[in-house]
Amino acid sequence: MELDVYLICGRGEKGDKFQLGQVFNKEGNYFKDEYDPTTQYNNMDELQEALAKMVNVEKASLKLNQINL
């Protein structure tokens, strides 16, 4: 499964964390209200794990594509 993700960078006290701004699948489904936009992530691995749980797939089978809006 592939998801397009828009990240908001520069979060956290040191500016080294990011938040998930938007997430879409290839069919155009916007996962509104299915994730917490205030959660701050340290790395893409943490985000991938959270999103895999959200869409109920194995983490290894999930590909994230970072997009610019």
Protein backbone atom coordinates (compact mmCIF):
# COMPACT_ATOMS: atom_id res chain seq x y z
CA MET A 1 0.00 0.00 0.00
CA GLU A 2 1.17 3.53 -0.77
CA LEU A 3 0.25 6.72 1.05
CA ASP A 4 1.09 10.29 0.14
CA VAL A 5 1.96 12.33 3.22
CA TYR A 6 2.37 16.06 3.74
CA LEU A 7 4.67 16.80 6.67
CA ILE A 8 4.95 19.93 8.79
CA CYS A 9 8.61 20.18 9.76
CA GLY A 10 10.42 22.20 12.42
CA ARG A 11 8.38 21.03 15.41
CA GLY A 12 9.54 20.25 18.94
CA GLU A 13 11.77 22.31 21.21
CA LYS A 14 14.79 21.89 18.94
CA GLY A 15 12.85 21.97 15.67
CA ASP A 16 13.92 18.42 14.88
CA LYS A 17 10.48 16.80 14.88
CA PHE A 18 7.60 16.87 12.41
CA GLN A 19 3.84 16.46 12.33
CA LEU A 20 1.58 14.82 9.79
CA GLY A 21 -0.38 17.53 7.98
CA GLN A 22 -2.32 15.40 5.50
CA VAL A 23 -2.39 11.82 4.26
CA PHE A 24 -3.99 10.41 1.09
CA ASN A 25 -4.07 7.00 -0.55
CA LYS A 26 -3.79 6.47 -4.30
CA GLU A 27 -7.58 6.38 -4.60
CA GLY A 28 -7.75 9.92 -3.22
CA ASN A 29 -9.08 8.97 0.21
CA TYR A 30 -8.13 11.66 2.74
CA PHE A 31 -7.94 10.00 6.17
CA LYS A 32 -9.61 12.90 7.98
CA ASP A 33 -10.10 12.34 11.72
CA GLU A 34 -8.25 8.99 11.58
CA TYR A 35 -4.94 10.34 12.91
CA ASP A 36 -3.90 12.91 15.49
CA PRO A 37 -2.41 15.91 13.67
CA THR A 38 -0.80 17.15 16.91
CA THR A 39 1.44 14.09 17.31
CA GLN A 40 5.11 14.90 16.79
CA TYR A 41 7.36 12.28 15.18
CA ASN A 42 11.12 11.91 15.49
CA ASN A 43 11.60 10.05 12.21
CA MET A 44 9.80 8.48 9.25
CA ASP A 45 9.99 5.04 10.87
CA GLU A 46 7.75 6.20 13.73
CA LEU A 47 5.30 7.73 11.27
CA GLN A 48 5.26 4.60 9.11
CA GLU A 49 4.47 2.47 12.16
CA ALA A 50 1.59 4.73 13.22
CA LEU A 51 0.11 4.86 9.72
CA ALA A 52 0.43 1.09 9.24
CA LYS A 53 -1.69 0.63 12.36
CA MET A 54 -4.18 3.23 11.11
CA VAL A 55 -4.74 1.45 7.77
CA ASN A 56 -4.34 -2.03 9.26
CA VAL A 57 -1.40 -3.27 7.18
CA GLU A 58 2.06 -4.57 7.99
CA LYS A 59 4.61 -1.79 8.34
CA ALA A 60 6.90 -3.44 5.79
CA SER A 61 4.17 -3.34 3.14
CA LEU A 62 3.51 0.40 3.54
CA LYS A 63 5.32 2.90 1.34
CA LEU A 64 5.20 6.61 2.23
CA ASN A 65 5.64 9.29 -0.42
CA GLN A 66 6.37 12.75 0.94
CA ILE A 67 4.53 15.43 -1.03
CA ASN A 68 4.59 19.23 -1.20
CA LEU A 69 1.34 21.15 -1.34
